[in-house]
Amino acid sequence: MRAMRRLLLLAIAILYLVSIPWYRPTAAEPEIVLGLPDWVAVALGCYVAIALLNSLAWLLTEVPDRSDEERP
């Protein structure tokens, strides 16, 4: 479980890096994808994937309930 969460978090970090259009040439003419410039479509796709991977990471995270002894 712990290894899977780490892989998910690593994938999230990579997707954040991919979502930034720093790899595009400065004078590149953007292509239109679904009515958006290609770099915007890539960024939005990355953010959707990040949200999904983040939800999976939280599902794999065990959050212990507070016991009756810890309650005031």
C-alpha atoms as a PDB file:
ATOM      1  CA  MET A   1       0.000   0.000   0.000  1.00  0.00           C
ATOM      2  CA  ARG A   2       2.718   2.434   0.969  1.00  0.00           C
ATOM      3  CA  ALA A   3       4.636   1.810  -2.251  1.00  0.00           C
ATOM      4  CA  MET A   4       1.483   2.332  -4.322  1.00  0.00           C
ATOM      5  CA  ARG A   5       0.812   5.679  -2.612  1.00  0.00           C
ATOM      6  CA  ARG A   6       4.371   6.780  -3.291  1.00  0.00           C
ATOM      7  CA  LEU A   7       4.007   5.847  -6.960  1.00  0.00           C
ATOM      8  CA  LEU A   8       0.759   7.794  -7.137  1.00  0.00           C
ATOM      9  CA  LEU A   9       2.375  10.840  -5.553  1.00  0.00           C
ATOM     10  CA  LEU A  10       5.316  10.579  -7.937  1.00  0.00           C
ATOM     11  CA  ALA A  11       2.906  10.400 -10.881  1.00  0.00           C
ATOM     12  CA  ILE A  12       1.125  13.488  -9.540  1.00  0.00           C
ATOM     13  CA  ALA A  13       4.418  15.393  -9.370  1.00  0.00           C
ATOM     14  CA  ILE A  14       5.291  14.364 -12.928  1.00  0.00           C
ATOM     15  CA  LEU A  15       1.864  15.435 -14.169  1.00  0.00           C
ATOM     16  CA  TYR A  16       2.340  18.854 -12.544  1.00  0.00           C
ATOM     17  CA  LEU A  17       5.613  19.214 -14.445  1.00  0.00           C
ATOM     18  CA  VAL A  18       4.003  18.127 -17.723  1.00  0.00           C
ATOM     19  CA  SER A  19       1.123  20.579 -17.237  1.00  0.00           C
ATOM     20  CA  ILE A  20       3.498  23.557 -17.442  1.00  0.00           C
ATOM     21  CA  PRO A  21       4.100  24.498 -21.090  1.00  0.00           C
ATOM     22  CA  TRP A  22       7.813  25.249 -20.558  1.00  0.00           C
ATOM     23  CA  TYR A  23       8.754  22.562 -23.092  1.00  0.00           C
ATOM     24  CA  ARG A  24       7.039  24.417 -25.960  1.00  0.00           C
ATOM     25  CA  PRO A  25       9.110  26.597 -28.290  1.00  0.00           C
ATOM     26  CA  THR A  26       8.503  30.290 -27.677  1.00  0.00           C
ATOM     27  CA  ALA A  27       7.273  31.059 -31.200  1.00  0.00           C
ATOM     28  CA  ALA A  28       5.204  27.894 -31.622  1.00  0.00           C
ATOM     29  CA  GLU A  29       1.735  28.400 -33.058  1.00  0.00           C
ATOM     30  CA  PRO A  30      -0.763  26.580 -30.821  1.00  0.00           C
ATOM     31  CA  GLU A  31      -3.051  23.966 -32.336  1.00  0.00           C
ATOM     32  CA  ILE A  32      -6.712  24.043 -31.345  1.00  0.00           C
ATOM     33  CA  VAL A  33      -7.975  20.999 -29.425  1.00  0.00           C
ATOM     34  CA  LEU A  34     -11.643  20.990 -28.391  1.00  0.00           C
ATOM     35  CA  GLY A  35     -11.729  24.751 -28.874  1.00  0.00           C
ATOM     36  CA  LEU A  36      -8.689  25.355 -26.653  1.00  0.00           C
ATOM     37  CA  PRO A  37      -5.023  25.885 -27.425  1.00  0.00           C
ATOM     38  CA  ASP A  38      -3.185  22.558 -27.179  1.00  0.00           C
ATOM     39  CA  TRP A  39      -1.159  23.612 -24.149  1.00  0.00           C
ATOM     40  CA  VAL A  40      -4.368  24.475 -22.263  1.00  0.00           C
ATOM     41  CA  ALA A  41      -5.919  21.116 -23.191  1.00  0.00           C
ATOM     42  CA  VAL A  42      -2.786  19.318 -21.952  1.00  0.00           C
ATOM     43  CA  ALA A  43      -2.821  21.281 -18.688  1.00  0.00           C
ATOM     44  CA  LEU A  44      -6.521  20.587 -18.079  1.00  0.00           C
ATOM     45  CA  GLY A  45      -6.031  16.894 -18.842  1.00  0.00           C
ATOM     46  CA  CYS A  46      -3.145  16.766 -16.387  1.00  0.00           C
ATOM     47  CA  TYR A  47      -5.206  18.474 -13.672  1.00  0.00           C
ATOM     48  CA  VAL A  48      -8.070  15.996 -14.128  1.00  0.00           C
ATOM     49  CA  ALA A  49      -5.602  13.096 -13.942  1.00  0.00           C
ATOM     50  CA  ILE A  50      -4.015  14.655 -10.837  1.00  0.00           C
ATOM     51  CA  ALA A  51      -7.413  14.868  -9.142  1.00  0.00           C
ATOM     52  CA  LEU A  52      -8.126  11.207  -9.917  1.00  0.00           C
ATOM     53  CA  LEU A  53      -4.703  10.009  -8.742  1.00  0.00           C
ATOM     54  CA  ASN A  54      -5.006  12.115  -5.597  1.00  0.00           C
ATOM     55  CA  SER A  55      -8.368  10.550  -4.783  1.00  0.00           C
ATOM     56  CA  LEU A  56      -6.853   7.085  -5.267  1.00  0.00           C
ATOM     57  CA  ALA A  57      -3.964   7.984  -2.967  1.00  0.00           C
ATOM     58  CA  TRP A  58      -6.425   9.098  -0.280  1.00  0.00           C
ATOM     59  CA  LEU A  59      -8.449   5.908  -0.668  1.00  0.00           C
ATOM     60  CA  LEU A  60      -5.279   3.910   0.016  1.00  0.00           C
ATOM     61  CA  THR A  61      -4.431   6.002   3.088  1.00  0.00           C
ATOM     62  CA  GLU A  62      -5.601   4.591   6.372  1.00  0.00           C
ATOM     63  CA  VAL A  63      -6.969   7.268   8.664  1.00  0.00           C
ATOM     64  CA  PRO A  64      -7.571   5.795  12.114  1.00  0.00           C
ATOM     65  CA  ASP A  65     -10.764   6.700  13.929  1.00  0.00           C
ATOM     66  CA  ARG A  66     -10.416   8.282  17.305  1.00  0.00           C
ATOM     67  CA  SER A  67     -11.128   5.816  20.063  1.00  0.00           C
ATOM     68  CA  ASP A  68     -13.538   6.550  22.876  1.00  0.00           C
ATOM     69  CA  GLU A  69     -10.587   6.964  25.249  1.00  0.00           C
ATOM     70  CA  GLU A  70      -9.185   9.920  23.278  1.00  0.00           C
ATOM     71  CA  ARG A  71     -12.456  11.861  23.241  1.00  0.00           C
ATOM     72  CA  PRO A  72     -12.870  14.496  25.979  1.00  0.00           C
END
